[in-house]
Amino acid sequence: SRTQEDLRRIAGIHAEWVILARRAFSIYDV
């Protein structure tokens, strides 16, 4: 039942949250 679309979506979700995490770390750095 594994689909290429599910794998692509999970990869995209991970990439978007990495970007959000870096933004949060940058803003709250000091």
Full PDB file with SEQRES, HELIX, SHEET, SSBOND, CRYST1, ORIGX, SCALE, CONECT and MASTER records, all heavy atoms in Angstrom:
SEQRES   1 A   30  SER ARG THR GLN GLU ASP LEU ARG ARG ILE ALA GLY ILE          
SEQRES   2 A   30  HIS ALA GLU TRP VAL ILE LEU ALA ARG ARG ALA PHE SER          
SEQRES   3 A   30  ILE TYR ASP VAL                                              
HELIX    1 AA1 GLN A    4  ILE A   27  1                                  24    
CRYST1    1.000    1.000    1.000  90.00  90.00  90.00 P 1           1          
ORIGX1      1.000000  0.000000  0.000000        0.00000                         
ORIGX2      0.000000  1.000000  0.000000        0.00000                         
ORIGX3      0.000000  0.000000  1.000000        0.00000                         
SCALE1      1.000000  0.000000  0.000000        0.00000                         
SCALE2      0.000000  1.000000  0.000000        0.00000                         
SCALE3      0.000000  0.000000  1.000000        0.00000                         
ATOM      1  N   SER A   1       0.810  -1.231   0.000  1.00  0.00           N  
ATOM      2  CA  SER A   1       0.000   0.000   0.000  1.00  0.00           C  
ATOM      3  C   SER A   1       0.839   1.275   0.000  1.00  0.00           C  
ATOM      4  O   SER A   1       0.298   2.361   0.039  1.00  0.00           O  
ATOM      5  CB  SER A   1      -0.928   0.009   1.225  1.00  0.00           C  
ATOM      6  OG  SER A   1      -0.179  -0.047   2.424  1.00  0.00           O  
ATOM      7  N   ARG A   2       2.171   1.122  -0.005  1.00  0.00           N  
ATOM      8  CA  ARG A   2       3.024   2.300  -0.002  1.00  0.00           C  
ATOM      9  C   ARG A   2       2.922   3.016  -1.346  1.00  0.00           C  
ATOM     10  O   ARG A   2       2.937   2.390  -2.398  1.00  0.00           O  
ATOM     11  CB  ARG A   2       4.459   1.874   0.264  1.00  0.00           C  
ATOM     12  CG  ARG A   2       5.450   3.010   0.355  1.00  0.00           C  
ATOM     13  CD  ARG A   2       6.859   2.474   0.346  1.00  0.00           C  
ATOM     14  NE  ARG A   2       7.077   1.516   1.411  1.00  0.00           N  
ATOM     15  CZ  ARG A   2       7.995   0.561   1.379  1.00  0.00           C  
ATOM     16  NH1 ARG A   2       8.773   0.431   0.313  1.00  0.00           N  
ATOM     17  NH2 ARG A   2       8.129  -0.270   2.389  1.00  0.00           N  
ATOM     18  N   THR A   3       2.799   4.337  -1.302  1.00  0.00           N  
ATOM     19  CA  THR A   3       2.660   5.116  -2.529  1.00  0.00           C  
ATOM     20  C   THR A   3       3.760   6.155  -2.618  1.00  0.00           C  
ATOM     21  O   THR A   3       4.295   6.617  -1.608  1.00  0.00           O  
ATOM     22  CB  THR A   3       1.288   5.819  -2.585  1.00  0.00           C  
ATOM     23  OG1 THR A   3       1.211   6.762  -1.507  1.00  0.00           O  
ATOM     24  CG2 THR A   3       0.144   4.822  -2.453  1.00  0.00           C  
ATOM     25  N   GLN A   4       4.079   6.505  -3.851  1.00  0.00           N  
ATOM     26  CA  GLN A   4       5.094   7.524  -4.079  1.00  0.00           C  
ATOM     27  C   GLN A   4       4.621   8.873  -3.552  1.00  0.00           C  
ATOM     28  O   GLN A   4       5.414   9.660  -3.028  1.00  0.00           O  
ATOM     29  CB  GLN A   4       5.385   7.619  -5.575  1.00  0.00           C  
ATOM     30  CG  GLN A   4       6.365   8.724  -5.938  1.00  0.00           C  
ATOM     31  CD  GLN A   4       6.471   8.915  -7.427  1.00  0.00           C  
ATOM     32  OE1 GLN A   4       5.913   8.129  -8.198  1.00  0.00           O  
ATOM     33  NE2 GLN A   4       7.154   9.968  -7.850  1.00  0.00           N  
ATOM     34  N   GLU A   5       3.305   9.148  -3.655  1.00  0.00           N  
ATOM     35  CA  GLU A   5       2.765  10.424  -3.206  1.00  0.00           C  
ATOM     36  C   GLU A   5       2.937  10.604  -1.701  1.00  0.00           C  
ATOM     37  O   GLU A   5       3.284  11.693  -1.228  1.00  0.00           O  
ATOM     38  CB  GLU A   5       1.281  10.519  -3.578  1.00  0.00           C  
ATOM     39  CG  GLU A   5       0.640  11.855  -3.259  1.00  0.00           C  
ATOM     40  CD  GLU A   5       1.254  12.988  -4.048  1.00  0.00           C  
ATOM     41  OE1 GLU A   5       1.817  12.743  -5.128  1.00  0.00           O  
ATOM     42  OE2 GLU A   5       1.165  14.141  -3.557  1.00  0.00           O  
ATOM     43  N   ASP A   6       2.709   9.541  -0.910  1.00  0.00           N  
ATOM     44  CA  ASP A   6       2.897   9.627   0.543  1.00  0.00           C  
ATOM     45  C   ASP A   6       4.347   9.936   0.896  1.00  0.00           C  
ATOM     46  O   ASP A   6       4.629  10.771   1.771  1.00  0.00           O  
ATOM     47  CB  ASP A   6       2.465   8.319   1.219  1.00  0.00           C  
ATOM     48  CG  ASP A   6       0.958   8.172   1.274  1.00  0.00           C  
ATOM     49  OD1 ASP A   6       0.264   9.200   1.167  1.00  0.00           O  
ATOM     50  OD2 ASP A   6       0.469   7.033   1.420  1.00  0.00           O  
ATOM     51  N   LEU A   7       5.265   9.255   0.217  1.00  0.00           N  
ATOM     52  CA  LEU A   7       6.686   9.486   0.489  1.00  0.00           C  
ATOM     53  C   LEU A   7       7.088  10.913   0.130  1.00  0.00           C  
ATOM     54  O   LEU A   7       7.844  11.561   0.873  1.00  0.00           O  
ATOM     55  CB  LEU A   7       7.524   8.481  -0.298  1.00  0.00           C  
ATOM     56  CG  LEU A   7       9.024   8.453   0.003  1.00  0.00           C  
ATOM     57  CD1 LEU A   7       9.276   8.150   1.475  1.00  0.00           C  
ATOM     58  CD2 LEU A   7       9.721   7.424  -0.879  1.00  0.00           C  
ATOM     59  N   ARG A   8       6.565  11.423  -0.988  1.00  0.00           N  
ATOM     60  CA  ARG A   8       6.884  12.787  -1.383  1.00  0.00           C  
ATOM     61  C   ARG A   8       6.328  13.785  -0.370  1.00  0.00           C  
ATOM     62  O   ARG A   8       6.991  14.770  -0.017  1.00  0.00           O  
ATOM     63  CB  ARG A   8       6.317  13.074  -2.767  1.00  0.00           C  
ATOM     64  CG  ARG A   8       6.646  14.493  -3.254  1.00  0.00           C  
ATOM     65  CD  ARG A   8       6.001  14.824  -4.594  1.00  0.00           C  
ATOM     66  NE  ARG A   8       6.555  13.997  -5.658  1.00  0.00           N  
ATOM     67  CZ  ARG A   8       5.869  13.055  -6.308  1.00  0.00           C  
ATOM     68  NH1 ARG A   8       4.603  12.828  -5.984  1.00  0.00           N  
ATOM     69  NH2 ARG A   8       6.423  12.352  -7.262  1.00  0.00           N  
ATOM     70  N   ARG A   9       5.128  13.542   0.116  1.00  0.00           N  
ATOM     71  CA  ARG A   9       4.523  14.462   1.080  1.00  0.00           C  
ATOM     72  C   ARG A   9       5.274  14.463   2.410  1.00  0.00           C  
ATOM     73  O   ARG A   9       5.519  15.523   3.004  1.00  0.00           O  
ATOM     74  CB  ARG A   9       3.062  14.083   1.314  1.00  0.00           C  
ATOM     75  CG  ARG A   9       2.135  14.444   0.162  1.00  0.00           C  
ATOM     76  CD  ARG A   9       0.705  14.097   0.494  1.00  0.00           C  
ATOM     77  NE  ARG A   9      -0.212  14.540  -0.552  1.00  0.00           N  
ATOM     78  CZ  ARG A   9      -1.530  14.370  -0.498  1.00  0.00           C  
ATOM     79  NH1 ARG A   9      -2.075  13.774   0.559  1.00  0.00           N  
ATOM     80  NH2 ARG A   9      -2.297  14.796  -1.486  1.00  0.00           N  
ATOM     81  N   ILE A  10       5.661  13.278   2.881  1.00  0.00           N  
ATOM     82  CA  ILE A  10       6.400  13.198   4.145  1.00  0.00           C  
ATOM     83  C   ILE A  10       7.750  13.899   4.014  1.00  0.00           C  
ATOM     84  O   ILE A  10       8.192  14.612   4.925  1.00  0.00           O  
ATOM     85  CB  ILE A  10       6.588  11.731   4.573  1.00  0.00           C  
ATOM     86  CG1 ILE A  10       5.228  11.067   4.819  1.00  0.00           C  
ATOM     87  CG2 ILE A  10       7.440  11.644   5.830  1.00  0.00           C  
ATOM     88  CD1 ILE A  10       4.387  11.750   5.865  1.00  0.00           C  
ATOM     89  N   ALA A  11       8.408  13.721   2.886  1.00  0.00           N  
ATOM     90  CA  ALA A  11       9.690  14.404   2.652  1.00  0.00           C  
ATOM     91  C   ALA A  11       9.497  15.915   2.632  1.00  0.00           C  
ATOM     92  O   ALA A  11      10.308  16.669   3.191  1.00  0.00           O  
ATOM     93  CB  ALA A  11      10.307  13.921   1.347  1.00  0.00           C  
ATOM     94  N   GLY A  12       8.415  16.376   2.002  1.00  0.00           N  
ATOM     95  CA  GLY A  12       8.152  17.809   1.967  1.00  0.00           C  
ATOM     96  C   GLY A  12       7.828  18.378   3.335  1.00  0.00           C  
ATOM     97  O   GLY A  12       8.267  19.479   3.688  1.00  0.00           O  
ATOM     98  N   ILE A  13       7.076  17.616   4.137  1.00  0.00           N  
ATOM     99  CA  ILE A  13       6.745  18.051   5.503  1.00  0.00           C  
ATOM    100  C   ILE A  13       8.012  18.192   6.333  1.00  0.00           C  
ATOM    101  O   ILE A  13       8.192  19.174   7.062  1.00  0.00           O  
ATOM    102  CB  ILE A  13       5.763  17.052   6.158  1.00  0.00           C  
ATOM    103  CG1 ILE A  13       4.385  17.155   5.501  1.00  0.00           C  
ATOM    104  CG2 ILE A  13       5.658  17.303   7.669  1.00  0.00           C  
ATOM    105  CD1 ILE A  13       3.413  16.082   5.934  1.00  0.00           C  
ATOM    106  N   HIS A  14       8.894  17.209   6.230  1.00  0.00           N  
ATOM    107  CA  HIS A  14      10.149  17.253   6.984  1.00  0.00           C  
ATOM    108  C   HIS A  14      10.970  18.473   6.580  1.00  0.00           C  
ATOM    109  O   HIS A  14      11.502  19.195   7.445  1.00  0.00           O  
ATOM    110  CB  HIS A  14      10.935  15.972   6.739  1.00  0.00           C  
ATOM    111  CG  HIS A  14      12.191  15.878   7.540  1.00  0.00           C  
ATOM    112  ND1 HIS A  14      13.375  16.428   7.110  1.00  0.00           N  
ATOM    113  CD2 HIS A  14      12.450  15.306   8.752  1.00  0.00           C  
ATOM    114  CE1 HIS A  14      14.315  16.198   8.011  1.00  0.00           C  
ATOM    115  NE2 HIS A  14      13.778  15.522   9.014  1.00  0.00           N  
ATOM    116  N   ALA A  15      11.076  18.732   5.290  1.00  0.00           N  
ATOM    117  CA  ALA A  15      11.871  19.875   4.815  1.00  0.00           C  
ATOM    118  C   ALA A  15      11.283  21.199   5.309  1.00  0.00           C  
ATOM    119  O   ALA A  15      12.023  22.104   5.716  1.00  0.00           O  
ATOM    120  CB  ALA A  15      11.943  19.854   3.289  1.00  0.00           C  
ATOM    121  N   GLU A  16       9.960  21.321   5.292  1.00  0.00           N  
ATOM    122  CA  GLU A  16       9.330  22.568   5.739  1.00  0.00           C  
ATOM    123  C   GLU A  16       9.541  22.797   7.230  1.00  0.00           C  
ATOM    124  O   GLU A  16       9.765  23.936   7.670  1.00  0.00           O  
ATOM    125  CB  GLU A  16       7.837  22.522   5.412  1.00  0.00           C  
ATOM    126  CG  GLU A  16       7.540  22.615   3.920  1.00  0.00           C  
ATOM    127  CD  GLU A  16       6.066  22.438   3.609  1.00  0.00           C  
ATOM    128  OE1 GLU A  16       5.267  22.336   4.564  1.00  0.00           O  
ATOM    129  OE2 GLU A  16       5.724  22.400   2.418  1.00  0.00           O  
ATOM    130  N   TRP A  17       9.494  21.741   8.025  1.00  0.00           N  
ATOM    131  CA  TRP A  17       9.689  21.919   9.464  1.00  0.00           C  
ATOM    132  C   TRP A  17      11.146  22.175   9.819  1.00  0.00           C  
ATOM    133  O   TRP A  17      11.437  22.823  10.824  1.00  0.00           O  
ATOM    134  CB  TRP A  17       9.136  20.710  10.223  1.00  0.00           C  
ATOM    135  CG  TRP A  17       7.654  20.823  10.399  1.00  0.00           C  
ATOM    136  CD1 TRP A  17       6.683  20.214   9.660  1.00  0.00           C  
ATOM    137  CD2 TRP A  17       6.977  21.653  11.344  1.00  0.00           C  
ATOM    138  NE1 TRP A  17       5.444  20.606  10.088  1.00  0.00           N  
ATOM    139  CE2 TRP A  17       5.583  21.477  11.120  1.00  0.00           C  
ATOM    140  CE3 TRP A  17       7.391  22.515  12.345  1.00  0.00           C  
ATOM    141  CZ2 TRP A  17       4.624  22.142  11.881  1.00  0.00           C  
ATOM    142  CZ3 TRP A  17       6.436  23.178  13.101  1.00  0.00           C  
ATOM    143  CH2 TRP A  17       5.073  22.990  12.872  1.00  0.00           C  
ATOM    144  N   VAL A  18      12.069  21.687   9.009  1.00  0.00           N  
ATOM    145  CA  VAL A  18      13.480  22.040   9.222  1.00  0.00           C  
ATOM    146  C   VAL A  18      13.676  23.547   9.004  1.00  0.00           C  
ATOM    147  O   VAL A  18      14.372  24.218   9.774  1.00  0.00           O  
ATOM    148  CB  VAL A  18      14.389  21.226   8.278  1.00  0.00           C  
ATOM    149  CG1 VAL A  18      15.812  21.774   8.300  1.00  0.00           C  
ATOM    150  CG2 VAL A  18      14.408  19.758   8.679  1.00  0.00           C  
ATOM    151  N   ILE A  19      13.040  24.078   7.963  1.00  0.00           N  
ATOM    152  CA  ILE A  19      13.136  25.521   7.703  1.00  0.00           C  
ATOM    153  C   ILE A  19      12.517  26.311   8.851  1.00  0.00           C  
ATOM    154  O   ILE A  19      13.081  27.316   9.320  1.00  0.00           O  
ATOM    155  CB  ILE A  19      12.442  25.859   6.367  1.00  0.00           C  
ATOM    156  CG1 ILE A  19      13.199  25.211   5.208  1.00  0.00           C  
ATOM    157  CG2 ILE A  19      12.351  27.371   6.176  1.00  0.00           C  
ATOM    158  CD1 ILE A  19      12.505  25.348   3.866  1.00  0.00           C  
ATOM    159  N   LEU A  20      11.361  25.861   9.353  1.00  0.00           N  
ATOM    160  CA  LEU A  20      10.712  26.550  10.469  1.00  0.00           C  
ATOM    161  C   LEU A  20      11.568  26.485  11.734  1.00  0.00           C  
ATOM    162  O   LEU A  20      11.663  27.460  12.487  1.00  0.00           O  
ATOM    163  CB  LEU A  20       9.338  25.922  10.743  1.00  0.00           C  
ATOM    164  CG  LEU A  20       8.162  26.467   9.937  1.00  0.00           C  
ATOM    165  CD1 LEU A  20       6.888  25.727  10.312  1.00  0.00           C  
ATOM    166  CD2 LEU A  20       7.988  27.955  10.142  1.00  0.00           C  
ATOM    167  N   ALA A  21      12.194  25.328  11.977  1.00  0.00           N  
ATOM    168  CA  ALA A  21      13.051  25.180  13.156  1.00  0.00           C  
ATOM    169  C   ALA A  21      14.241  26.133  13.085  1.00  0.00           C  
ATOM    170  O   ALA A  21      14.602  26.768  14.084  1.00  0.00           O  
ATOM    171  CB  ALA A  21      13.533  23.733  13.278  1.00  0.00           C  
ATOM    172  N   ARG A  22      14.844  26.253  11.913  1.00  0.00           N  
ATOM    173  CA  ARG A  22      15.976  27.172  11.767  1.00  0.00           C  
ATOM    174  C   ARG A  22      15.537  28.626  11.956  1.00  0.00           C  
ATOM    175  O   ARG A  22      16.259  29.423  12.559  1.00  0.00           O  
ATOM    176  CB  ARG A  22      16.607  26.983  10.386  1.00  0.00           C  
ATOM    177  CG  ARG A  22      17.413  25.692  10.270  1.00  0.00           C  
ATOM    178  CD  ARG A  22      17.904  25.473   8.875  1.00  0.00           C  
ATOM    179  NE  ARG A  22      18.761  24.289   8.808  1.00  0.00           N  
ATOM    180  CZ  ARG A  22      19.131  23.696   7.689  1.00  0.00           C  
ATOM    181  NH1 ARG A  22      18.723  24.191   6.526  1.00  0.00           N  
ATOM    182  NH2 ARG A  22      19.892  22.629   7.713  1.00  0.00           N  
ATOM    183  N   ARG A  23      14.363  28.971  11.451  1.00  0.00           N  
ATOM    184  CA  ARG A  23      13.846  30.325  11.674  1.00  0.00           C  
ATOM    185  C   ARG A  23      13.626  30.594  13.155  1.00  0.00           C  
ATOM    186  O   ARG A  23      13.971  31.662  13.671  1.00  0.00           O  
ATOM    187  CB  ARG A  23      12.530  30.504  10.914  1.00  0.00           C  
ATOM    188  CG  ARG A  23      12.689  30.783   9.434  1.00  0.00           C  
ATOM    189  CD  ARG A  23      11.340  30.885   8.774  1.00  0.00           C  
ATOM    190  NE  ARG A  23      10.511  31.931   9.388  1.00  0.00           N  
ATOM    191  CZ  ARG A  23       9.200  32.061   9.169  1.00  0.00           C  
ATOM    192  NH1 ARG A  23       8.583  31.214   8.346  1.00  0.00           N  
ATOM    193  NH2 ARG A  23       8.520  33.027   9.748  1.00  0.00           N  
ATOM    194  N   ALA A  24      13.037  29.621  13.856  1.00  0.00           N  
ATOM    195  CA  ALA A  24      12.783  29.792  15.289  1.00  0.00           C  
ATOM    196  C   ALA A  24      14.086  29.933  16.062  1.00  0.00           C  
ATOM    197  O   ALA A  24      14.219  30.807  16.928  1.00  0.00           O  
ATOM    198  CB  ALA A  24      11.977  28.606  15.824  1.00  0.00           C  
ATOM    199  N   PHE A  25      15.073  29.087  15.753  1.00  0.00           N  
ATOM    200  CA  PHE A  25      16.372  29.178  16.436  1.00  0.00           C  
ATOM    201  C   PHE A  25      17.044  30.519  16.157  1.00  0.00           C  
ATOM    202  O   PHE A  25      17.687  31.100  17.039  1.00  0.00           O  
ATOM    203  CB  PHE A  25      17.278  28.043  15.982  1.00  0.00           C  
ATOM    204  CG  PHE A  25      16.861  26.685  16.497  1.00  0.00           C  
ATOM    205  CD1 PHE A  25      17.311  25.527  15.879  1.00  0.00           C  
ATOM    206  CD2 PHE A  25      16.026  26.572  17.586  1.00  0.00           C  
ATOM    207  CE1 PHE A  25      16.933  24.286  16.347  1.00  0.00           C  
ATOM    208  CE2 PHE A  25      15.630  25.323  18.068  1.00  0.00           C  
ATOM    209  CZ  PHE A  25      16.093  24.186  17.446  1.00  0.00           C  
ATOM    210  N   SER A  26      16.894  31.011  14.930  1.00  0.00           N  
ATOM    211  CA  SER A  26      17.519  32.293  14.584  1.00  0.00           C  
ATOM    212  C   SER A  26      16.867  33.453  15.331  1.00  0.00           C  
ATOM    213  O   SER A  26      17.554  34.337  15.852  1.00  0.00           O  
ATOM    214  CB  SER A  26      17.426  32.513  13.072  1.00  0.00           C  
ATOM    215  OG  SER A  26      17.887  33.785  12.716  1.00  0.00           O  
ATOM    216  N   ILE A  27      15.529  33.462  15.388  1.00  0.00           N  
ATOM    217  CA  ILE A  27      14.826  34.564  16.043  1.00  0.00           C  
ATOM    218  C   ILE A  27      15.077  34.563  17.545  1.00  0.00           C  
ATOM    219  O   ILE A  27      15.306  35.606  18.158  1.00  0.00           O  
ATOM    220  CB  ILE A  27      13.318  34.481  15.737  1.00  0.00           C  
ATOM    221  CG1 ILE A  27      13.065  34.731  14.248  1.00  0.00           C  
ATOM    222  CG2 ILE A  27      12.536  35.496  16.580  1.00  0.00           C  
ATOM    223  CD1 ILE A  27      11.627  34.509  13.815  1.00  0.00           C  
ATOM    224  N   TYR A  28      15.052  33.380  18.151  1.00  0.00           N  
ATOM    225  CA  TYR A  28      15.196  33.275  19.606  1.00  0.00           C  
ATOM    226  C   TYR A  28      16.647  33.130  20.048  1.00  0.00           C  
ATOM    227  O   TYR A  28      16.899  32.830  21.213  1.00  0.00           O  
ATOM    228  CB  TYR A  28      14.405  32.066  20.130  1.00  0.00           C  
ATOM    229  CG  TYR A  28      12.919  32.295  20.217  1.00  0.00           C  
ATOM    230  CD1 TYR A  28      12.074  31.906  19.189  1.00  0.00           C  
ATOM    231  CD2 TYR A  28      12.350  32.890  21.337  1.00  0.00           C  
ATOM    232  CE1 TYR A  28      10.705  32.098  19.263  1.00  0.00           C  
ATOM    233  CE2 TYR A  28      10.986  33.090  21.426  1.00  0.00           C  
ATOM    234  CZ  TYR A  28      10.171  32.689  20.391  1.00  0.00           C  
ATOM    235  OH  TYR A  28       8.825  32.894  20.478  1.00  0.00           O  
ATOM    236  N   ASP A  29      17.595  33.343  19.164  1.00  0.00           N  
ATOM    237  CA  ASP A  29      18.994  33.039  19.442  1.00  0.00           C  
ATOM    238  C   ASP A  29      19.525  33.794  20.659  1.00  0.00           C  
ATOM    239  O   ASP A  29      20.014  33.201  21.628  1.00  0.00           O  
ATOM    240  CB  ASP A  29      19.840  33.359  18.206  1.00  0.00           C  
ATOM    241  CG  ASP A  29      21.264  32.842  18.327  1.00  0.00           C  
ATOM    242  OD1 ASP A  29      21.502  31.965  19.183  1.00  0.00           O  
ATOM    243  OD2 ASP A  29      22.126  33.309  17.585  1.00  0.00           O  
ATOM    244  N   VAL A  30      19.436  35.117  20.637  1.00  0.00           N  
ATOM    245  CA  VAL A  30      20.006  35.929  21.716  1.00  0.00           C  
ATOM    246  C   VAL A  30      19.264  35.678  23.028  1.00  0.00           C  
ATOM    247  O   VAL A  30      19.883  35.560  24.098  1.00  0.00           O  
ATOM    248  CB  VAL A  30      19.973  37.418  21.342  1.00  0.00           C  
ATOM    249  CG1 VAL A  30      20.480  38.277  22.495  1.00  0.00           C  
ATOM    250  CG2 VAL A  30      20.808  37.668  20.091  1.00  0.00           C  
TER     251      VAL A  30                                                      
MASTER        0    0    0    1    0    0    0    6  250    1    0    3          
END                                                                             
